[in-house]
Amino acid sequence: MRSIPAKHCARRVLAALALACLAGCAPSPHDLAAAGDAPRLEALLQSKKILADSQGPGRKRPLHYAATHGQLETMRVLLKYKINIDSRDETGLTPLHCAAVWDRIDAAGMLLDAGAKLDVLDNFRDSPVHLAAMHDRPAMIEFLAGRGANLRLLNKEGKSALDLAIEQRKAGAAAALREALKTAPPAPDTPPEEPAP
């Protein structure tokens, strides 16, 4: 019979203890927001309001998760707590950027209606329109353009959303941007707000 080295036994014991501890832990507001569990999120936030804007992995907040997953009811719950609607993760992404990447038009609309900045830039100076172009989200591009997004913004590389769509062969996004640019106003004289360091 083969014996198991002590270090492997210790790892198994620690793993079992970690699982036992985690099994008894309550889910985080981030987990509840992503899962769309609005009633449990509401109950948690009523007891600990500070959790509404708490940071999770990558400095993402519960609103980032809710927008990513299109969980409108949990977004409504979070927005009641006067959180920072334009909070940024470690790469400067806001919840609106997340909605744009995942083509969550209803979530993007809710964020904009609640006061989110439309032309907000991440750490690479990409706007939500840039990200929608990179992920070939023509419907999101049309939506953001209809809400007045600046389609001519340039990122750190000096590229517009259309440049990125063409470069990355995102045909749907390129077509949507070409069409939207036909009626888009000229670029504003003032540049959008720079991302916070």
C-alpha atoms as a PDB file:
ATOM      1  CA  MET A   1       0.000   0.000   0.000  1.00  0.00           C
ATOM      2  CA  ARG A   2       1.281   3.423  -1.019  1.00  0.00           C
ATOM      3  CA  SER A   3       1.395   6.203   1.570  1.00  0.00           C
ATOM      4  CA  ILE A   4       0.414   9.793   0.826  1.00  0.00           C
ATOM      5  CA  PRO A   5       3.096  12.384   1.616  1.00  0.00           C
ATOM      6  CA  ALA A   6       2.307  14.630   4.585  1.00  0.00           C
ATOM      7  CA  LYS A   7       2.309  17.820   2.469  1.00  0.00           C
ATOM      8  CA  HIS A   8      -0.468  16.398   0.239  1.00  0.00           C
ATOM      9  CA  CYS A   9      -2.509  15.454   3.310  1.00  0.00           C
ATOM     10  CA  ALA A  10      -2.103  18.955   4.691  1.00  0.00           C
ATOM     11  CA  ARG A  11      -3.284  20.469   1.388  1.00  0.00           C
ATOM     12  CA  ARG A  12      -6.352  18.230   1.348  1.00  0.00           C
ATOM     13  CA  VAL A  13      -7.202  19.118   4.931  1.00  0.00           C
ATOM     14  CA  LEU A  14      -6.824  22.851   4.214  1.00  0.00           C
ATOM     15  CA  ALA A  15      -8.949  22.556   1.069  1.00  0.00           C
ATOM     16  CA  ALA A  16     -11.666  20.725   2.995  1.00  0.00           C
ATOM     17  CA  LEU A  17     -11.606  23.364   5.739  1.00  0.00           C
ATOM     18  CA  ALA A  18     -11.834  26.165   3.165  1.00  0.00           C
ATOM     19  CA  LEU A  19     -14.836  24.506   1.522  1.00  0.00           C
ATOM     20  CA  ALA A  20     -16.509  24.017   4.879  1.00  0.00           C
ATOM     21  CA  CYS A  21     -15.996  27.678   5.759  1.00  0.00           C
ATOM     22  CA  LEU A  22     -17.228  28.895   2.384  1.00  0.00           C
ATOM     23  CA  ALA A  23     -20.323  26.712   2.558  1.00  0.00           C
ATOM     24  CA  GLY A  24     -21.461  28.648   5.619  1.00  0.00           C
ATOM     25  CA  CYS A  25     -20.660  32.107   4.239  1.00  0.00           C
ATOM     26  CA  ALA A  26     -23.342  34.405   2.941  1.00  0.00           C
ATOM     27  CA  PRO A  27     -23.053  35.423  -0.713  1.00  0.00           C
ATOM     28  CA  SER A  28     -21.502  38.791  -1.435  1.00  0.00           C
ATOM     29  CA  PRO A  29     -23.490  41.669  -2.910  1.00  0.00           C
ATOM     30  CA  HIS A  30     -21.470  41.065  -6.090  1.00  0.00           C
ATOM     31  CA  ASP A  31     -22.713  37.454  -6.308  1.00  0.00           C
ATOM     32  CA  LEU A  32     -26.308  38.487  -5.652  1.00  0.00           C
ATOM     33  CA  ALA A  33     -26.135  41.290  -8.244  1.00  0.00           C
ATOM     34  CA  ALA A  34     -24.725  38.961 -10.905  1.00  0.00           C
ATOM     35  CA  ALA A  35     -27.320  36.293 -10.138  1.00  0.00           C
ATOM     36  CA  GLY A  36     -30.195  38.768 -10.207  1.00  0.00           C
ATOM     37  CA  ASP A  37     -31.306  37.916  -6.687  1.00  0.00           C
ATOM     38  CA  ALA A  38     -32.913  41.293  -5.985  1.00  0.00           C
ATOM     39  CA  PRO A  39     -34.821  40.280  -2.797  1.00  0.00           C
ATOM     40  CA  ARG A  40     -31.729  38.907  -1.030  1.00  0.00           C
ATOM     41  CA  LEU A  41     -29.614  41.828  -2.261  1.00  0.00           C
ATOM     42  CA  GLU A  42     -32.186  44.290  -0.903  1.00  0.00           C
ATOM     43  CA  ALA A  43     -32.227  42.514   2.467  1.00  0.00           C
ATOM     44  CA  LEU A  44     -28.423  42.519   2.646  1.00  0.00           C
ATOM     45  CA  LEU A  45     -28.155  46.182   1.732  1.00  0.00           C
ATOM     46  CA  GLN A  46     -30.809  47.213   4.244  1.00  0.00           C
ATOM     47  CA  SER A  47     -28.677  45.730   6.994  1.00  0.00           C
ATOM     48  CA  LYS A  48     -25.331  46.931   5.609  1.00  0.00           C
ATOM     49  CA  LYS A  49     -25.773  49.891   3.246  1.00  0.00           C
ATOM     50  CA  ILE A  50     -22.025  50.262   2.774  1.00  0.00           C
ATOM     51  CA  LEU A  51     -21.967  47.013   0.788  1.00  0.00           C
ATOM     52  CA  ALA A  52     -23.902  48.635  -2.093  1.00  0.00           C
ATOM     53  CA  ASP A  53     -20.710  50.239  -3.385  1.00  0.00           C
ATOM     54  CA  SER A  54     -18.177  47.711  -2.064  1.00  0.00           C
ATOM     55  CA  GLN A  55     -15.247  46.616  -4.211  1.00  0.00           C
ATOM     56  CA  GLY A  56     -14.862  43.044  -5.360  1.00  0.00           C
ATOM     57  CA  PRO A  57     -12.207  41.355  -7.504  1.00  0.00           C
ATOM     58  CA  GLY A  58     -10.615  43.780  -9.950  1.00  0.00           C
ATOM     59  CA  ARG A  59     -12.202  46.697  -8.016  1.00  0.00           C
ATOM     60  CA  LYS A  60     -15.548  45.900  -9.626  1.00  0.00           C
ATOM     61  CA  ARG A  61     -18.623  46.909  -7.676  1.00  0.00           C
ATOM     62  CA  PRO A  62     -22.010  45.174  -7.541  1.00  0.00           C
ATOM     63  CA  LEU A  63     -23.338  47.542 -10.227  1.00  0.00           C
ATOM     64  CA  HIS A  64     -20.612  46.348 -12.639  1.00  0.00           C
ATOM     65  CA  TYR A  65     -21.828  42.769 -12.139  1.00  0.00           C
ATOM     66  CA  ALA A  66     -25.507  43.636 -12.483  1.00  0.00           C
ATOM     67  CA  ALA A  67     -24.868  45.620 -15.701  1.00  0.00           C
ATOM     68  CA  THR A  68     -22.680  42.853 -17.142  1.00  0.00           C
ATOM     69  CA  HIS A  69     -25.410  40.284 -16.594  1.00  0.00           C
ATOM     70  CA  GLY A  70     -28.302  42.581 -17.512  1.00  0.00           C
ATOM     71  CA  GLN A  71     -29.902  42.170 -14.093  1.00  0.00           C
ATOM     72  CA  LEU A  72     -32.268  45.138 -14.218  1.00  0.00           C
ATOM     73  CA  GLU A  73     -34.061  44.440 -10.948  1.00  0.00           C
ATOM     74  CA  THR A  74     -30.795  44.256  -8.992  1.00  0.00           C
ATOM     75  CA  MET A  75     -29.657  47.428 -10.747  1.00  0.00           C
ATOM     76  CA  ARG A  76     -32.817  49.164  -9.500  1.00  0.00           C
ATOM     77  CA  VAL A  77     -32.064  47.986  -5.963  1.00  0.00           C
ATOM     78  CA  LEU A  78     -28.463  49.211  -6.125  1.00  0.00           C
ATOM     79  CA  LEU A  79     -29.389  52.571  -7.635  1.00  0.00           C
ATOM     80  CA  LYS A  80     -31.710  53.280  -4.681  1.00  0.00           C
ATOM     81  CA  TYR A  81     -28.617  53.459  -2.452  1.00  0.00           C
ATOM     82  CA  LYS A  82     -27.089  56.524  -4.142  1.00  0.00           C
ATOM     83  CA  ILE A  83     -23.966  54.663  -5.254  1.00  0.00           C
ATOM     84  CA  ASN A  84     -21.347  56.047  -7.631  1.00  0.00           C
ATOM     85  CA  ILE A  85     -22.934  55.194 -10.977  1.00  0.00           C
ATOM     86  CA  ASP A  86     -19.661  55.907 -12.810  1.00  0.00           C
ATOM     87  CA  SER A  87     -17.439  53.882 -10.458  1.00  0.00           C
ATOM     88  CA  ARG A  88     -14.382  52.415 -12.164  1.00  0.00           C
ATOM     89  CA  ASP A  89     -12.729  49.043 -11.893  1.00  0.00           C
ATOM     90  CA  GLU A  90      -8.956  48.559 -12.051  1.00  0.00           C
ATOM     91  CA  THR A  91      -8.909  49.172 -15.836  1.00  0.00           C
ATOM     92  CA  GLY A  92     -11.211  52.179 -15.624  1.00  0.00           C
ATOM     93  CA  LEU A  93     -14.327  50.382 -16.841  1.00  0.00           C
ATOM     94  CA  THR A  94     -17.625  51.757 -15.594  1.00  0.00           C
ATOM     95  CA  PRO A  95     -20.901  49.832 -15.408  1.00  0.00           C
ATOM     96  CA  LEU A  96     -21.838  51.477 -18.738  1.00  0.00           C
ATOM     97  CA  HIS A  97     -18.695  50.035 -20.349  1.00  0.00           C
ATOM     98  CA  CYS A  98     -19.730  46.609 -19.016  1.00  0.00           C
ATOM     99  CA  ALA A  99     -23.229  46.954 -20.450  1.00  0.00           C
ATOM    100  CA  ALA A 100     -21.737  47.962 -23.817  1.00  0.00           C
ATOM    101  CA  VAL A 101     -19.390  44.968 -23.969  1.00  0.00           C
ATOM    102  CA  TRP A 102     -22.183  42.491 -23.209  1.00  0.00           C
ATOM    103  CA  ASP A 103     -24.798  44.226 -25.396  1.00  0.00           C
ATOM    104  CA  ARG A 104     -27.104  44.928 -22.436  1.00  0.00           C
ATOM    105  CA  ILE A 105     -29.093  47.766 -24.009  1.00  0.00           C
ATOM    106  CA  ASP A 106     -31.753  47.857 -21.270  1.00  0.00           C
ATOM    107  CA  ALA A 107     -29.028  48.077 -18.619  1.00  0.00           C
ATOM    108  CA  ALA A 108     -27.245  50.841 -20.553  1.00  0.00           C
ATOM    109  CA  GLY A 109     -30.512  52.756 -20.814  1.00  0.00           C
ATOM    110  CA  MET A 110     -31.162  52.428 -17.104  1.00  0.00           C
ATOM    111  CA  LEU A 111     -27.650  53.641 -16.296  1.00  0.00           C
ATOM    112  CA  LEU A 112     -27.941  56.642 -18.621  1.00  0.00           C
ATOM    113  CA  ASP A 113     -31.406  57.502 -17.289  1.00  0.00           C
ATOM    114  CA  ALA A 114     -29.930  57.426 -13.772  1.00  0.00           C
ATOM    115  CA  GLY A 115     -27.167  59.885 -14.752  1.00  0.00           C
ATOM    116  CA  ALA A 116     -24.245  57.773 -16.006  1.00  0.00           C
ATOM    117  CA  LYS A 117     -21.787  59.680 -18.189  1.00  0.00           C
ATOM    118  CA  LEU A 118     -22.227  58.695 -21.829  1.00  0.00           C
ATOM    119  CA  ASP A 119     -18.736  59.396 -23.163  1.00  0.00           C
ATOM    120  CA  VAL A 120     -16.820  58.177 -20.116  1.00  0.00           C
ATOM    121  CA  LEU A 121     -13.315  56.858 -20.875  1.00  0.00           C
ATOM    122  CA  ASP A 122     -11.467  53.897 -19.399  1.00  0.00           C
ATOM    123  CA  ASN A 123      -7.717  53.785 -18.730  1.00  0.00           C
ATOM    124  CA  PHE A 124      -7.070  53.183 -22.451  1.00  0.00           C
ATOM    125  CA  ARG A 125      -9.315  56.160 -23.334  1.00  0.00           C
ATOM    126  CA  ASP A 126     -11.887  53.783 -24.805  1.00  0.00           C
ATOM    127  CA  SER A 127     -15.502  54.896 -24.519  1.00  0.00           C
ATOM    128  CA  PRO A 128     -18.473  52.530 -24.342  1.00  0.00           C
ATOM    129  CA  VAL A 129     -18.825  53.019 -28.121  1.00  0.00           C
ATOM    130  CA  HIS A 130     -15.214  51.872 -28.635  1.00  0.00           C
ATOM    131  CA  LEU A 131     -15.921  48.714 -26.631  1.00  0.00           C
ATOM    132  CA  ALA A 132     -19.186  48.063 -28.477  1.00  0.00           C
ATOM    133  CA  ALA A 133     -17.226  48.333 -31.746  1.00  0.00           C
ATOM    134  CA  MET A 134     -14.479  45.958 -30.564  1.00  0.00           C
ATOM    135  CA  HIS A 135     -17.093  43.383 -29.521  1.00  0.00           C
ATOM    136  CA  ASP A 136     -19.208  43.800 -32.681  1.00  0.00           C
ATOM    137  CA  ARG A 137     -22.324  45.131 -30.957  1.00  0.00           C
ATOM    138  CA  PRO A 138     -24.149  47.069 -33.725  1.00  0.00           C
ATOM    139  CA  ALA A 139     -27.403  47.391 -31.750  1.00  0.00           C
ATOM    140  CA  MET A 140     -25.510  48.903 -28.806  1.00  0.00           C
ATOM    141  CA  ILE A 141     -23.726  51.308 -31.152  1.00  0.00           C
ATOM    142  CA  GLU A 142     -27.071  52.415 -32.602  1.00  0.00           C
ATOM    143  CA  PHE A 143     -28.476  52.835 -29.096  1.00  0.00           C
ATOM    144  CA  LEU A 144     -25.510  54.874 -27.810  1.00  0.00           C
ATOM    145  CA  ALA A 145     -25.448  56.989 -30.977  1.00  0.00           C
ATOM    146  CA  GLY A 146     -29.163  57.661 -30.538  1.00  0.00           C
ATOM    147  CA  ARG A 147     -28.472  58.847 -26.987  1.00  0.00           C
ATOM    148  CA  GLY A 148     -25.877  61.320 -28.315  1.00  0.00           C
ATOM    149  CA  ALA A 149     -22.568  59.477 -27.887  1.00  0.00           C
ATOM    150  CA  ASN A 150     -19.555  61.120 -29.491  1.00  0.00           C
ATOM    151  CA  LEU A 151     -18.687  58.652 -32.260  1.00  0.00           C
ATOM    152  CA  ARG A 152     -15.517  60.531 -33.183  1.00  0.00           C
ATOM    153  CA  LEU A 153     -13.616  60.121 -29.894  1.00  0.00           C
ATOM    154  CA  LEU A 154     -10.054  58.841 -30.240  1.00  0.00           C
ATOM    155  CA  ASN A 155      -8.511  56.405 -27.762  1.00  0.00           C
ATOM    156  CA  LYS A 156      -4.883  56.325 -26.528  1.00  0.00           C
ATOM    157  CA  GLU A 157      -3.808  54.827 -29.855  1.00  0.00           C
ATOM    158  CA  GLY A 158      -5.511  57.661 -31.735  1.00  0.00           C
ATOM    159  CA  LYS A 159      -8.245  55.347 -33.052  1.00  0.00           C
ATOM    160  CA  SER A 160     -11.945  55.956 -33.317  1.00  0.00           C
ATOM    161  CA  ALA A 161     -14.551  53.271 -32.760  1.00  0.00           C
ATOM    162  CA  LEU A 162     -14.861  52.912 -36.552  1.00  0.00           C
ATOM    163  CA  ASP A 163     -11.079  52.470 -36.877  1.00  0.00           C
ATOM    164  CA  LEU A 164     -11.219  49.656 -34.304  1.00  0.00           C
ATOM    165  CA  ALA A 165     -14.210  47.962 -35.955  1.00  0.00           C
ATOM    166  CA  ILE A 166     -12.455  47.975 -39.346  1.00  0.00           C
ATOM    167  CA  GLU A 167      -9.099  46.900 -37.911  1.00  0.00           C
ATOM    168  CA  GLN A 168     -10.668  44.002 -35.988  1.00  0.00           C
ATOM    169  CA  ARG A 169     -12.977  43.010 -38.857  1.00  0.00           C
ATOM    170  CA  LYS A 170     -16.190  43.655 -36.964  1.00  0.00           C
ATOM    171  CA  ALA A 171     -18.449  44.130 -39.987  1.00  0.00           C
ATOM    172  CA  GLY A 172     -21.702  44.720 -38.089  1.00  0.00           C
ATOM    173  CA  ALA A 173     -20.142  47.353 -35.862  1.00  0.00           C
ATOM    174  CA  ALA A 174     -18.426  49.056 -38.800  1.00  0.00           C
ATOM    175  CA  ALA A 175     -21.705  49.245 -40.738  1.00  0.00           C
ATOM    176  CA  ALA A 176     -23.580  50.626 -37.709  1.00  0.00           C
ATOM    177  CA  LEU A 177     -20.893  53.247 -37.115  1.00  0.00           C
ATOM    178  CA  ARG A 178     -20.783  54.320 -40.771  1.00  0.00           C
ATOM    179  CA  GLU A 179     -24.559  54.747 -40.748  1.00  0.00           C
ATOM    180  CA  ALA A 180     -24.603  56.614 -37.433  1.00  0.00           C
ATOM    181  CA  LEU A 181     -21.763  58.918 -38.499  1.00  0.00           C
ATOM    182  CA  LYS A 182     -23.884  60.164 -41.428  1.00  0.00           C
ATOM    183  CA  THR A 183     -26.139  62.033 -39.012  1.00  0.00           C
ATOM    184  CA  ALA A 184     -23.807  62.482 -36.030  1.00  0.00           C
ATOM    185  CA  PRO A 185     -23.025  66.036 -34.959  1.00  0.00           C
ATOM    186  CA  PRO A 186     -19.455  67.233 -35.285  1.00  0.00           C
ATOM    187  CA  ALA A 187     -17.102  66.395 -32.448  1.00  0.00           C
ATOM    188  CA  PRO A 188     -17.532  68.738 -29.454  1.00  0.00           C
ATOM    189  CA  ASP A 189     -14.884  71.368 -28.779  1.00  0.00           C
ATOM    190  CA  THR A 190     -14.280  70.100 -25.254  1.00  0.00           C
ATOM    191  CA  PRO A 191     -12.737  66.670 -24.762  1.00  0.00           C
ATOM    192  CA  PRO A 192     -14.495  64.173 -22.505  1.00  0.00           C
ATOM    193  CA  GLU A 193     -13.437  63.743 -18.905  1.00  0.00           C
ATOM    194  CA  GLU A 194     -10.143  61.912 -18.515  1.00  0.00           C
ATOM    195  CA  PRO A 195     -10.142  58.670 -16.515  1.00  0.00           C
ATOM    196  CA  ALA A 196      -9.091  59.029 -12.901  1.00  0.00           C
ATOM    197  CA  PRO A 197      -5.577  57.698 -12.184  1.00  0.00           C
END
